[in-house]
Amino acid sequence: MSDPVTSAVEELLEENVFLPPATASPSSTSSMLTPLITTFLKVLARVEEKVVEHLPLQAQKKFHALDAWGSTSLGFPHSGIIITCLLLLLVLGLSLYFVGIGRARGHKPLPGGKQGRARPSHVVLLGPCGAGKTALYHQLLYNTVPETVTSMVESEGILKDKDIRLVDFPGHERLRGGWKKQFLDAGKVAGVIFVVDAADFPTHKVREAAEFLYDLLTHAAMDDGPPLLVACHKSDLPGAKAPARIKALLTSELERLRKTQGGAMMDGDGEEEEDRLPLGRVAVPLNLDVDAPSELTFAATSVAQQTQMGGNDAFEEDVGIEPLMTFINDKSGR
């Protein structure tokens, strides 16, 4: 079935409505306009008829009432269809106007067609002191490896050709509380890289890393929040532990912590925090693949690209910063 406008025009063509009258004088403007106006009104009337007959009964009554009001008050027939068309043109014009203003002010659509809140743009580097975060930070940003120094302040830089801001937080226990401010700025963090030293991971460092990781995993912002990559760093060094081994050690210590710590944790100033997330399921051993509040993966990394073989946990794997670049590229949509 054709649309109402096409149907109306076809009927009028059959009736020869569009043919000029034989008596029309080319030299007379008024004599030319009169039949044009008459033809226009006939088309308008027929279109209105075809449109209205498809409307619900109540809508038809309102449309006819609008027509009657227009004919009486304005002295113009077929006011219903005319007013409707004018309103549609007004809405279209206003829409185009405001879209133009938005573009002129630089309000660009967000990737993926989403409007409103800007997409997350920060990847944060966290982890205990001495794990190698600062070296990774410089390698990722500048492709250089600085002399080993302990970072005492937060560092921040933009990754080249990516809409991602990389933030390195100090690992010292008294200085690392600043990461929570990033999470409190809702929707800002696209991903978290938690760095541990795979080549130097004795019991006391396992405990320190697990306490930090527990504080992170039970933070309210991690509930279905940004993905987390545990970077098992310095994996190029002899004796470095494999990611699977580090995962097992951390899981065991996290299991102990969740039994002893419960829901209460201390913030960086030594004050107890509320609204912590529970870690794991009741009466079920902790399984990070299932119980982590957001996506959690482990990967071997180093600032040197080579193949690691042997050590305390014999494995063969290409290490470098490629796992980190893949993680960051996923967050930047590139």
C-alpha atoms as a PDB file:
ATOM      1  CA  MET A   1       0.000   0.000   0.000  1.00  0.00           C
ATOM      2  CA  SER A   2       1.435   3.387  -0.996  1.00  0.00           C
ATOM      3  CA  ASP A   3       1.860   6.246   1.469  1.00  0.00           C
ATOM      4  CA  PRO A   4      -0.939   8.881   1.771  1.00  0.00           C
ATOM      5  CA  VAL A   5       0.945  11.605  -0.135  1.00  0.00           C
ATOM      6  CA  THR A   6       1.755   9.370  -3.115  1.00  0.00           C
ATOM      7  CA  SER A   7      -1.781   8.024  -3.151  1.00  0.00           C
ATOM      8  CA  ALA A   8      -3.264  11.538  -3.178  1.00  0.00           C
ATOM      9  CA  VAL A   9      -0.990  12.727  -5.992  1.00  0.00           C
ATOM     10  CA  GLU A  10      -1.759   9.644  -8.100  1.00  0.00           C
ATOM     11  CA  GLU A  11      -5.503  10.255  -7.766  1.00  0.00           C
ATOM     12  CA  LEU A  12      -5.119  13.913  -8.717  1.00  0.00           C
ATOM     13  CA  LEU A  13      -3.008  12.991 -11.739  1.00  0.00           C
ATOM     14  CA  GLU A  14      -5.791  10.731 -12.932  1.00  0.00           C
ATOM     15  CA  GLU A  15      -8.204  13.648 -12.577  1.00  0.00           C
ATOM     16  CA  ASN A  16      -5.872  15.905 -14.654  1.00  0.00           C
ATOM     17  CA  VAL A  17      -5.760  18.421 -11.812  1.00  0.00           C
ATOM     18  CA  PHE A  18      -2.182  19.430 -12.713  1.00  0.00           C
ATOM     19  CA  LEU A  19      -2.982  20.334 -16.315  1.00  0.00           C
ATOM     20  CA  PRO A  20      -3.138  24.133 -16.859  1.00  0.00           C
ATOM     21  CA  PRO A  21      -6.529  25.507 -17.877  1.00  0.00           C
ATOM     22  CA  ALA A  22      -6.887  26.119 -21.599  1.00  0.00           C
ATOM     23  CA  THR A  23      -7.993  29.695 -20.993  1.00  0.00           C
ATOM     24  CA  ALA A  24      -4.904  30.676 -19.002  1.00  0.00           C
ATOM     25  CA  SER A  25      -3.038  33.668 -20.446  1.00  0.00           C
ATOM     26  CA  PRO A  26       0.770  33.442 -20.184  1.00  0.00           C
ATOM     27  CA  SER A  27       1.043  37.215 -19.882  1.00  0.00           C
ATOM     28  CA  SER A  28      -1.165  37.432 -16.833  1.00  0.00           C
ATOM     29  CA  THR A  29       0.626  36.704 -13.549  1.00  0.00           C
ATOM     30  CA  SER A  30      -2.597  36.540 -11.539  1.00  0.00           C
ATOM     31  CA  SER A  31      -4.192  34.209 -14.064  1.00  0.00           C
ATOM     32  CA  MET A  32      -1.174  31.916 -13.710  1.00  0.00           C
ATOM     33  CA  LEU A  33      -1.054  32.022  -9.901  1.00  0.00           C
ATOM     34  CA  THR A  34      -4.754  31.384  -9.379  1.00  0.00           C
ATOM     35  CA  PRO A  35      -4.784  27.881 -10.907  1.00  0.00           C
ATOM     36  CA  LEU A  36      -1.506  27.070  -9.116  1.00  0.00           C
ATOM     37  CA  ILE A  37      -2.975  28.037  -5.759  1.00  0.00           C
ATOM     38  CA  THR A  38      -6.162  26.136  -6.554  1.00  0.00           C
ATOM     39  CA  THR A  39      -4.138  23.063  -7.507  1.00  0.00           C
ATOM     40  CA  PHE A  40      -2.035  23.362  -4.339  1.00  0.00           C
ATOM     41  CA  LEU A  41      -5.161  23.515  -2.174  1.00  0.00           C
ATOM     42  CA  LYS A  42      -6.619  20.484  -3.947  1.00  0.00           C
ATOM     43  CA  VAL A  43      -3.412  18.525  -3.340  1.00  0.00           C
ATOM     44  CA  LEU A  44      -3.385  19.682   0.278  1.00  0.00           C
ATOM     45  CA  ALA A  45      -7.004  18.663   0.778  1.00  0.00           C
ATOM     46  CA  ARG A  46      -6.452  15.235  -0.747  1.00  0.00           C
ATOM     47  CA  VAL A  47      -3.265  14.628   1.276  1.00  0.00           C
ATOM     48  CA  GLU A  48      -5.085  15.694   4.432  1.00  0.00           C
ATOM     49  CA  GLU A  49      -7.913  13.301   3.621  1.00  0.00           C
ATOM     50  CA  LYS A  50      -5.517  10.402   3.071  1.00  0.00           C
ATOM     51  CA  VAL A  51      -3.506  11.146   6.218  1.00  0.00           C
ATOM     52  CA  VAL A  52      -6.490  11.657   8.502  1.00  0.00           C
ATOM     53  CA  GLU A  53      -8.223   8.443   7.496  1.00  0.00           C
ATOM     54  CA  HIS A  54      -5.290   6.485   8.949  1.00  0.00           C
ATOM     55  CA  LEU A  55      -5.515   8.226  12.318  1.00  0.00           C
ATOM     56  CA  PRO A  56      -7.427   6.889  15.358  1.00  0.00           C
ATOM     57  CA  LEU A  57     -10.980   8.187  15.709  1.00  0.00           C
ATOM     58  CA  GLN A  58     -10.121  10.562  18.570  1.00  0.00           C
ATOM     59  CA  ALA A  59      -7.216  12.013  16.594  1.00  0.00           C
ATOM     60  CA  GLN A  60      -9.473  12.467  13.555  1.00  0.00           C
ATOM     61  CA  LYS A  61     -11.957  14.466  15.651  1.00  0.00           C
ATOM     62  CA  LYS A  62      -9.202  16.728  16.984  1.00  0.00           C
ATOM     63  CA  PHE A  63      -7.813  17.212  13.487  1.00  0.00           C
ATOM     64  CA  HIS A  64     -11.229  18.200  12.107  1.00  0.00           C
ATOM     65  CA  ALA A  65     -11.712  20.577  15.061  1.00  0.00           C
ATOM     66  CA  LEU A  66      -8.366  22.204  14.222  1.00  0.00           C
ATOM     67  CA  ASP A  67      -9.460  22.501  10.604  1.00  0.00           C
ATOM     68  CA  ALA A  68     -12.738  24.149  11.620  1.00  0.00           C
ATOM     69  CA  TRP A  69     -10.945  26.568  13.949  1.00  0.00           C
ATOM     70  CA  GLY A  70      -8.485  27.531  11.207  1.00  0.00           C
ATOM     71  CA  SER A  71     -11.208  28.076   8.634  1.00  0.00           C
ATOM     72  CA  THR A  72     -13.234  30.225  11.059  1.00  0.00           C
ATOM     73  CA  SER A  73     -10.461  32.179  12.798  1.00  0.00           C
ATOM     74  CA  LEU A  74      -7.885  32.421  10.024  1.00  0.00           C
ATOM     75  CA  GLY A  75     -10.160  32.207   7.027  1.00  0.00           C
ATOM     76  CA  PHE A  76      -7.871  29.557   5.587  1.00  0.00           C
ATOM     77  CA  PRO A  77      -9.042  26.054   4.623  1.00  0.00           C
ATOM     78  CA  HIS A  78      -7.157  22.881   5.512  1.00  0.00           C
ATOM     79  CA  SER A  79      -5.504  24.565   8.494  1.00  0.00           C
ATOM     80  CA  GLY A  80      -4.963  21.241  10.263  1.00  0.00           C
ATOM     81  CA  ILE A  81      -2.471  19.864   7.783  1.00  0.00           C
ATOM     82  CA  ILE A  82      -0.823  23.279   7.325  1.00  0.00           C
ATOM     83  CA  ILE A  83      -0.342  23.859  11.065  1.00  0.00           C
ATOM     84  CA  THR A  84       0.990  20.313  11.488  1.00  0.00           C
ATOM     85  CA  CYS A  85       3.536  20.842   8.695  1.00  0.00           C
ATOM     86  CA  LEU A  86       4.605  24.198  10.137  1.00  0.00           C
ATOM     87  CA  LEU A  87       5.120  22.655  13.585  1.00  0.00           C
ATOM     88  CA  LEU A  88       7.220  19.858  12.097  1.00  0.00           C
ATOM     89  CA  LEU A  89       9.329  22.397  10.210  1.00  0.00           C
ATOM     90  CA  LEU A  90       9.770  24.422  13.407  1.00  0.00           C
ATOM     91  CA  VAL A  91      10.931  21.376  15.372  1.00  0.00           C
ATOM     92  CA  LEU A  92      13.314  20.393  12.568  1.00  0.00           C
ATOM     93  CA  GLY A  93      14.713  23.928  12.351  1.00  0.00           C
ATOM     94  CA  LEU A  94      15.281  24.171  16.107  1.00  0.00           C
ATOM     95  CA  SER A  95      16.973  20.763  16.146  1.00  0.00           C
ATOM     96  CA  LEU A  96      19.367  21.761  13.366  1.00  0.00           C
ATOM     97  CA  TYR A  97      20.034  25.080  15.091  1.00  0.00           C
ATOM     98  CA  PHE A  98      21.016  23.520  18.419  1.00  0.00           C
ATOM     99  CA  VAL A  99      23.095  20.817  16.739  1.00  0.00           C
ATOM    100  CA  GLY A 100      24.973  23.593  14.929  1.00  0.00           C
ATOM    101  CA  ILE A 101      25.592  25.452  18.197  1.00  0.00           C
ATOM    102  CA  GLY A 102      26.890  22.276  19.822  1.00  0.00           C
ATOM    103  CA  ARG A 103      29.365  21.650  17.015  1.00  0.00           C
ATOM    104  CA  ALA A 104      30.492  25.281  17.007  1.00  0.00           C
ATOM    105  CA  ARG A 105      31.331  24.998  20.708  1.00  0.00           C
ATOM    106  CA  GLY A 106      33.278  21.812  20.170  1.00  0.00           C
ATOM    107  CA  HIS A 107      30.806  19.420  21.773  1.00  0.00           C
ATOM    108  CA  LYS A 108      31.759  16.317  19.838  1.00  0.00           C
ATOM    109  CA  PRO A 109      29.946  12.994  20.171  1.00  0.00           C
ATOM    110  CA  LEU A 110      31.723  10.487  22.377  1.00  0.00           C
ATOM    111  CA  PRO A 111      33.102   7.255  20.856  1.00  0.00           C
ATOM    112  CA  GLY A 112      30.470   4.561  20.585  1.00  0.00           C
ATOM    113  CA  GLY A 113      27.707   7.130  20.158  1.00  0.00           C
ATOM    114  CA  LYS A 114      27.348   7.803  23.882  1.00  0.00           C
ATOM    115  CA  GLN A 115      26.660  11.286  25.128  1.00  0.00           C
ATOM    116  CA  GLY A 116      26.997  12.843  28.563  1.00  0.00           C
ATOM    117  CA  ARG A 117      29.704  11.514  30.855  1.00  0.00           C
ATOM    118  CA  ALA A 118      33.148  11.378  29.235  1.00  0.00           C
ATOM    119  CA  ARG A 119      34.596   7.920  28.879  1.00  0.00           C
ATOM    120  CA  PRO A 120      37.247   6.849  31.428  1.00  0.00           C
ATOM    121  CA  SER A 121      40.661   8.201  30.475  1.00  0.00           C
ATOM    122  CA  HIS A 122      43.131   7.208  33.217  1.00  0.00           C
ATOM    123  CA  VAL A 123      45.216   4.066  33.665  1.00  0.00           C
ATOM    124  CA  VAL A 124      46.810   3.993  37.119  1.00  0.00           C
ATOM    125  CA  LEU A 125      49.996   2.210  38.178  1.00  0.00           C
ATOM    126  CA  LEU A 126      49.817   0.849  41.723  1.00  0.00           C
ATOM    127  CA  GLY A 127      51.904  -1.541  43.788  1.00  0.00           C
ATOM    128  CA  PRO A 128      54.351  -1.855  46.667  1.00  0.00           C
ATOM    129  CA  CYS A 129      57.510   0.218  46.892  1.00  0.00           C
ATOM    130  CA  GLY A 130      60.393  -1.073  44.754  1.00  0.00           C
ATOM    131  CA  ALA A 131      58.251  -3.149  42.392  1.00  0.00           C
ATOM    132  CA  GLY A 132      59.393  -1.180  39.329  1.00  0.00           C
ATOM    133  CA  LYS A 133      56.386   1.034  38.664  1.00  0.00           C
ATOM    134  CA  THR A 134      58.420   4.153  37.890  1.00  0.00           C
ATOM    135  CA  ALA A 135      60.620   2.281  35.392  1.00  0.00           C
ATOM    136  CA  LEU A 136      57.494   0.965  33.675  1.00  0.00           C
ATOM    137  CA  TYR A 137      55.983   4.451  33.687  1.00  0.00           C
ATOM    138  CA  HIS A 138      59.004   5.900  31.844  1.00  0.00           C
ATOM    139  CA  GLN A 139      59.201   2.939  29.473  1.00  0.00           C
ATOM    140  CA  LEU A 140      55.537   3.290  28.518  1.00  0.00           C
ATOM    141  CA  LEU A 141      55.629   7.064  28.126  1.00  0.00           C
ATOM    142  CA  TYR A 142      59.130   7.789  26.825  1.00  0.00           C
ATOM    143  CA  ASN A 143      60.565   4.380  25.821  1.00  0.00           C
ATOM    144  CA  THR A 144      63.471   4.953  28.198  1.00  0.00           C
ATOM    145  CA  VAL A 145      64.522   3.251  31.419  1.00  0.00           C
ATOM    146  CA  PRO A 146      65.707   5.699  34.106  1.00  0.00           C
ATOM    147  CA  GLU A 147      68.129   4.967  36.894  1.00  0.00           C
ATOM    148  CA  THR A 148      66.446   3.187  39.772  1.00  0.00           C
ATOM    149  CA  VAL A 149      64.828   5.772  42.015  1.00  0.00           C
ATOM    150  CA  THR A 150      62.016   5.607  44.527  1.00  0.00           C
ATOM    151  CA  SER A 151      59.148   7.830  43.476  1.00  0.00           C
ATOM    152  CA  MET A 152      57.960  10.064  46.311  1.00  0.00           C
ATOM    153  CA  VAL A 153      55.293  11.959  44.373  1.00  0.00           C
ATOM    154  CA  GLU A 154      52.515  11.134  41.943  1.00  0.00           C
ATOM    155  CA  SER A 155      53.574  11.291  38.279  1.00  0.00           C
ATOM    156  CA  GLU A 156      51.241  11.784  35.332  1.00  0.00           C
ATOM    157  CA  GLY A 157      51.634  11.862  31.556  1.00  0.00           C
ATOM    158  CA  ILE A 158      49.663  11.309  28.342  1.00  0.00           C
ATOM    159  CA  LEU A 159      50.512   8.294  26.210  1.00  0.00           C
ATOM    160  CA  LYS A 160      51.418   9.227  22.641  1.00  0.00           C
ATOM    161  CA  ASP A 161      48.616   8.793  20.073  1.00  0.00           C
ATOM    162  CA  LYS A 162      46.208   7.576  22.748  1.00  0.00           C
ATOM    163  CA  ASP A 163      43.437   9.241  24.724  1.00  0.00           C
ATOM    164  CA  ILE A 164      44.891   7.780  27.913  1.00  0.00           C
ATOM    165  CA  ARG A 165      46.525   9.508  30.859  1.00  0.00           C
ATOM    166  CA  LEU A 166      48.998   7.285  32.732  1.00  0.00           C
ATOM    167  CA  VAL A 167      49.322   7.925  36.471  1.00  0.00           C
ATOM    168  CA  ASP A 168      52.085   6.467  38.672  1.00  0.00           C
ATOM    169  CA  PHE A 169      51.384   6.507  42.414  1.00  0.00           C
ATOM    170  CA  PRO A 170      54.178   6.182  44.997  1.00  0.00           C
ATOM    171  CA  GLY A 171      54.460   2.696  46.463  1.00  0.00           C
ATOM    172  CA  HIS A 172      55.507   3.740  49.948  1.00  0.00           C
ATOM    173  CA  GLU A 173      52.790   2.832  52.428  1.00  0.00           C
ATOM    174  CA  ARG A 174      52.442   6.384  53.757  1.00  0.00           C
ATOM    175  CA  LEU A 175      52.351   7.959  50.293  1.00  0.00           C
ATOM    176  CA  ARG A 176      50.213   5.617  48.232  1.00  0.00           C
ATOM    177  CA  GLY A 177      46.789   6.642  49.557  1.00  0.00           C
ATOM    178  CA  GLY A 178      46.350   9.172  46.736  1.00  0.00           C
ATOM    179  CA  TRP A 179      45.011   6.530  44.353  1.00  0.00           C
ATOM    180  CA  LYS A 180      41.693   6.549  46.194  1.00  0.00           C
ATOM    181  CA  LYS A 181      41.061  10.134  45.089  1.00  0.00           C
ATOM    182  CA  GLN A 182      41.205   8.906  41.492  1.00  0.00           C
ATOM    183  CA  PHE A 183      38.484   6.368  42.188  1.00  0.00           C
ATOM    184  CA  LEU A 184      36.333   8.901  44.009  1.00  0.00           C
ATOM    185  CA  ASP A 185      36.188  10.856  40.737  1.00  0.00           C
ATOM    186  CA  ALA A 186      33.533   8.516  39.326  1.00  0.00           C
ATOM    187  CA  GLY A 187      34.064   7.095  35.872  1.00  0.00           C
ATOM    188  CA  LYS A 188      37.583   8.473  35.470  1.00  0.00           C
ATOM    189  CA  VAL A 189      39.689   5.294  35.685  1.00  0.00           C
ATOM    190  CA  ALA A 190      39.796   3.039  32.623  1.00  0.00           C
ATOM    191  CA  GLY A 191      42.143   0.429  34.082  1.00  0.00           C
ATOM    192  CA  VAL A 192      44.509  -0.432  36.932  1.00  0.00           C
ATOM    193  CA  ILE A 193      47.984  -1.966  36.592  1.00  0.00           C
ATOM    194  CA  PHE A 194      49.141  -3.469  39.909  1.00  0.00           C
ATOM    195  CA  VAL A 195      52.909  -4.084  39.812  1.00  0.00           C
ATOM    196  CA  VAL A 196      54.788  -6.676  41.907  1.00  0.00           C
ATOM    197  CA  ASP A 197      58.454  -7.681  41.749  1.00  0.00           C
ATOM    198  CA  ALA A 198      58.445 -11.232  40.374  1.00  0.00           C
ATOM    199  CA  ALA A 199      62.207 -11.602  40.937  1.00  0.00           C
ATOM    200  CA  ASP A 200      62.099 -10.590  44.603  1.00  0.00           C
ATOM    201  CA  PHE A 201      58.916 -11.902  46.185  1.00  0.00           C
ATOM    202  CA  PRO A 202      59.659 -13.421  49.595  1.00  0.00           C
ATOM    203  CA  THR A 203      56.991 -14.010  52.229  1.00  0.00           C
ATOM    204  CA  HIS A 204      57.032 -10.518  53.733  1.00  0.00           C
ATOM    205  CA  LYS A 205      56.677  -8.922  50.270  1.00  0.00           C
ATOM    206  CA  VAL A 206      53.861 -11.298  49.401  1.00  0.00           C
ATOM    207  CA  ARG A 207      52.103 -10.114  52.549  1.00  0.00           C
ATOM    208  CA  GLU A 208      52.726  -6.430  51.756  1.00  0.00           C
ATOM    209  CA  ALA A 209      51.472  -6.803  48.172  1.00  0.00           C
ATOM    210  CA  ALA A 210      48.434  -8.803  49.296  1.00  0.00           C
ATOM    211  CA  GLU A 211      47.464  -6.162  51.875  1.00  0.00           C
ATOM    212  CA  PHE A 212      47.621  -3.455  49.206  1.00  0.00           C
ATOM    213  CA  LEU A 213      45.733  -5.639  46.722  1.00  0.00           C
ATOM    214  CA  TYR A 214      43.102  -6.480  49.347  1.00  0.00           C
ATOM    215  CA  ASP A 215      42.596  -2.775  49.991  1.00  0.00           C
ATOM    216  CA  LEU A 216      42.149  -2.291  46.243  1.00  0.00           C
ATOM    217  CA  LEU A 217      39.826  -5.241  45.591  1.00  0.00           C
ATOM    218  CA  THR A 218      37.525  -4.326  48.465  1.00  0.00           C
ATOM    219  CA  HIS A 219      37.278  -0.664  47.499  1.00  0.00           C
ATOM    220  CA  ALA A 220      33.702   0.245  46.535  1.00  0.00           C
ATOM    221  CA  ALA A 221      34.825   1.660  43.163  1.00  0.00           C
ATOM    222  CA  MET A 222      36.031  -1.792  42.080  1.00  0.00           C
ATOM    223  CA  ASP A 223      32.516  -3.268  42.144  1.00  0.00           C
ATOM    224  CA  ASP A 224      32.096  -4.103  38.459  1.00  0.00           C
ATOM    225  CA  GLY A 225      34.659  -1.341  37.990  1.00  0.00           C
ATOM    226  CA  PRO A 226      37.823  -0.895  35.931  1.00  0.00           C
ATOM    227  CA  PRO A 227      39.733  -4.029  34.879  1.00  0.00           C
ATOM    228  CA  LEU A 228      42.875  -4.916  36.820  1.00  0.00           C
ATOM    229  CA  LEU A 229      46.134  -6.311  35.439  1.00  0.00           C
ATOM    230  CA  VAL A 230      48.678  -7.689  37.918  1.00  0.00           C
ATOM    231  CA  ALA A 231      52.040  -7.078  36.240  1.00  0.00           C
ATOM    232  CA  CYS A 232      54.553  -9.678  37.461  1.00  0.00           C
ATOM    233  CA  HIS A 233      57.461  -7.379  36.759  1.00  0.00           C
ATOM    234  CA  LYS A 234      61.209  -8.012  36.298  1.00  0.00           C
ATOM    235  CA  SER A 235      60.333 -11.412  34.861  1.00  0.00           C
ATOM    236  CA  ASP A 236      63.491 -11.284  32.757  1.00  0.00           C
ATOM    237  CA  LEU A 237      65.676 -11.723  35.849  1.00  0.00           C
ATOM    238  CA  PRO A 238      66.940 -15.119  37.070  1.00  0.00           C
ATOM    239  CA  GLY A 239      64.720 -16.691  39.711  1.00  0.00           C
ATOM    240  CA  ALA A 240      61.657 -14.662  38.762  1.00  0.00           C
ATOM    241  CA  LYS A 241      58.390 -16.332  39.662  1.00  0.00           C
ATOM    242  CA  ALA A 242      55.858 -17.145  36.971  1.00  0.00           C
ATOM    243  CA  PRO A 243      52.513 -15.305  36.962  1.00  0.00           C
ATOM    244  CA  ALA A 244      50.668 -18.499  37.967  1.00  0.00           C
ATOM    245  CA  ARG A 245      52.902 -18.871  41.037  1.00  0.00           C
ATOM    246  CA  ILE A 246      52.468 -15.228  42.045  1.00  0.00           C
ATOM    247  CA  LYS A 247      48.724 -15.587  41.631  1.00  0.00           C
ATOM    248  CA  ALA A 248      48.711 -18.623  43.924  1.00  0.00           C
ATOM    249  CA  LEU A 249      50.805 -16.850  46.593  1.00  0.00           C
ATOM    250  CA  LEU A 250      48.615 -13.746  46.542  1.00  0.00           C
ATOM    251  CA  THR A 251      45.414 -15.807  46.608  1.00  0.00           C
ATOM    252  CA  SER A 252      46.619 -17.682  49.683  1.00  0.00           C
ATOM    253  CA  GLU A 253      47.504 -14.466  51.511  1.00  0.00           C
ATOM    254  CA  LEU A 254      44.268 -12.752  50.433  1.00  0.00           C
ATOM    255  CA  GLU A 255      42.361 -15.749  51.813  1.00  0.00           C
ATOM    256  CA  ARG A 256      44.070 -15.239  55.167  1.00  0.00           C
ATOM    257  CA  LEU A 257      43.375 -11.502  55.084  1.00  0.00           C
ATOM    258  CA  ARG A 258      39.681 -11.834  54.312  1.00  0.00           C
ATOM    259  CA  LYS A 259      39.284 -14.099  57.337  1.00  0.00           C
ATOM    260  CA  THR A 260      41.187 -11.809  59.700  1.00  0.00           C
ATOM    261  CA  GLN A 261      40.339  -8.377  58.306  1.00  0.00           C
ATOM    262  CA  GLY A 262      36.653  -8.914  57.514  1.00  0.00           C
ATOM    263  CA  GLY A 263      34.974  -5.796  56.144  1.00  0.00           C
ATOM    264  CA  ALA A 264      37.070  -3.286  58.105  1.00  0.00           C
ATOM    265  CA  MET A 265      40.108  -1.742  56.446  1.00  0.00           C
ATOM    266  CA  MET A 266      42.180   1.335  57.175  1.00  0.00           C
ATOM    267  CA  ASP A 267      42.713   4.153  54.742  1.00  0.00           C
ATOM    268  CA  GLY A 268      46.029   5.893  54.145  1.00  0.00           C
ATOM    269  CA  ASP A 269      45.572   8.075  57.231  1.00  0.00           C
ATOM    270  CA  GLY A 270      44.929   5.147  59.539  1.00  0.00           C
ATOM    271  CA  GLU A 271      41.183   5.756  59.759  1.00  0.00           C
ATOM    272  CA  GLU A 272      38.717   2.924  59.307  1.00  0.00           C
ATOM    273  CA  GLU A 273      36.754   3.062  56.073  1.00  0.00           C
ATOM    274  CA  GLU A 274      33.148   2.024  55.596  1.00  0.00           C
ATOM    275  CA  ASP A 275      31.285   0.427  52.697  1.00  0.00           C
ATOM    276  CA  ARG A 276      34.031  -2.021  51.806  1.00  0.00           C
ATOM    277  CA  LEU A 277      33.216  -4.747  49.308  1.00  0.00           C
ATOM    278  CA  PRO A 278      33.225  -8.312  50.601  1.00  0.00           C
ATOM    279  CA  LEU A 279      35.911 -10.404  48.905  1.00  0.00           C
ATOM    280  CA  GLY A 280      34.895 -13.927  47.992  1.00  0.00           C
ATOM    281  CA  ARG A 281      31.981 -16.138  48.956  1.00  0.00           C
ATOM    282  CA  VAL A 282      31.026 -17.361  52.400  1.00  0.00           C
ATOM    283  CA  ALA A 283      32.465 -20.796  53.293  1.00  0.00           C
ATOM    284  CA  VAL A 284      34.082 -21.115  49.838  1.00  0.00           C
ATOM    285  CA  PRO A 285      37.871 -20.892  49.252  1.00  0.00           C
ATOM    286  CA  LEU A 286      38.902 -17.711  47.455  1.00  0.00           C
ATOM    287  CA  ASN A 287      39.141 -18.022  43.676  1.00  0.00           C
ATOM    288  CA  LEU A 288      40.266 -14.784  42.016  1.00  0.00           C
ATOM    289  CA  ASP A 289      38.986 -15.925  38.626  1.00  0.00           C
ATOM    290  CA  VAL A 290      35.478 -15.942  40.084  1.00  0.00           C
ATOM    291  CA  ASP A 291      35.569 -13.725  43.169  1.00  0.00           C
ATOM    292  CA  ALA A 292      37.406 -10.631  41.918  1.00  0.00           C
ATOM    293  CA  PRO A 293      34.918  -7.712  41.771  1.00  0.00           C
ATOM    294  CA  SER A 294      36.086  -6.759  38.268  1.00  0.00           C
ATOM    295  CA  GLU A 295      38.106  -8.326  35.447  1.00  0.00           C
ATOM    296  CA  LEU A 296      41.475  -9.527  36.821  1.00  0.00           C
ATOM    297  CA  THR A 297      44.437 -10.925  34.860  1.00  0.00           C
ATOM    298  CA  PHE A 298      48.105 -11.711  35.562  1.00  0.00           C
ATOM    299  CA  ALA A 299      50.974 -11.201  33.085  1.00  0.00           C
ATOM    300  CA  ALA A 300      54.774 -11.344  33.073  1.00  0.00           C
ATOM    301  CA  THR A 301      56.453  -8.008  32.261  1.00  0.00           C
ATOM    302  CA  SER A 302      59.885  -6.408  32.138  1.00  0.00           C
ATOM    303  CA  VAL A 303      61.545  -3.328  30.716  1.00  0.00           C
ATOM    304  CA  ALA A 304      63.813  -5.610  28.667  1.00  0.00           C
ATOM    305  CA  GLN A 305      62.409  -7.737  25.825  1.00  0.00           C
ATOM    306  CA  GLN A 306      63.870 -11.240  25.987  1.00  0.00           C
ATOM    307  CA  THR A 307      62.948 -14.835  26.756  1.00  0.00           C
ATOM    308  CA  GLN A 308      62.970 -16.015  30.373  1.00  0.00           C
ATOM    309  CA  MET A 309      63.917 -19.633  31.060  1.00  0.00           C
ATOM    310  CA  GLY A 310      64.560 -21.502  34.281  1.00  0.00           C
ATOM    311  CA  GLY A 311      64.539 -19.934  37.740  1.00  0.00           C
ATOM    312  CA  ASN A 312      62.609 -21.048  40.795  1.00  0.00           C
ATOM    313  CA  ASP A 313      59.537 -21.630  38.595  1.00  0.00           C
ATOM    314  CA  ALA A 314      60.753 -22.973  35.264  1.00  0.00           C
ATOM    315  CA  PHE A 315      58.830 -21.437  32.373  1.00  0.00           C
ATOM    316  CA  GLU A 316      59.508 -20.053  28.931  1.00  0.00           C
ATOM    317  CA  GLU A 317      57.710 -16.887  27.954  1.00  0.00           C
ATOM    318  CA  ASP A 318      58.404 -13.727  25.997  1.00  0.00           C
ATOM    319  CA  VAL A 319      58.401 -10.841  28.434  1.00  0.00           C
ATOM    320  CA  GLY A 320      58.467  -7.089  27.973  1.00  0.00           C
ATOM    321  CA  ILE A 321      55.849  -4.360  28.100  1.00  0.00           C
ATOM    322  CA  GLU A 322      53.666  -5.856  25.365  1.00  0.00           C
ATOM    323  CA  PRO A 323      51.032  -7.162  27.844  1.00  0.00           C
ATOM    324  CA  LEU A 324      50.777  -3.645  29.270  1.00  0.00           C
ATOM    325  CA  MET A 325      50.455  -2.042  25.834  1.00  0.00           C
ATOM    326  CA  THR A 326      47.718  -4.527  24.906  1.00  0.00           C
ATOM    327  CA  PHE A 327      45.909  -3.749  28.156  1.00  0.00           C
ATOM    328  CA  ILE A 328      46.181   0.018  27.573  1.00  0.00           C
ATOM    329  CA  ASN A 329      45.185  -0.219  23.905  1.00  0.00           C
ATOM    330  CA  ASP A 330      42.042  -2.073  24.931  1.00  0.00           C
ATOM    331  CA  LYS A 331      41.180   0.788  27.267  1.00  0.00           C
ATOM    332  CA  SER A 332      41.812   3.475  24.651  1.00  0.00           C
ATOM    333  CA  GLY A 333      39.791   1.698  21.976  1.00  0.00           C
ATOM    334  CA  ARG A 334      42.800   1.485  19.636  1.00  0.00           C
END
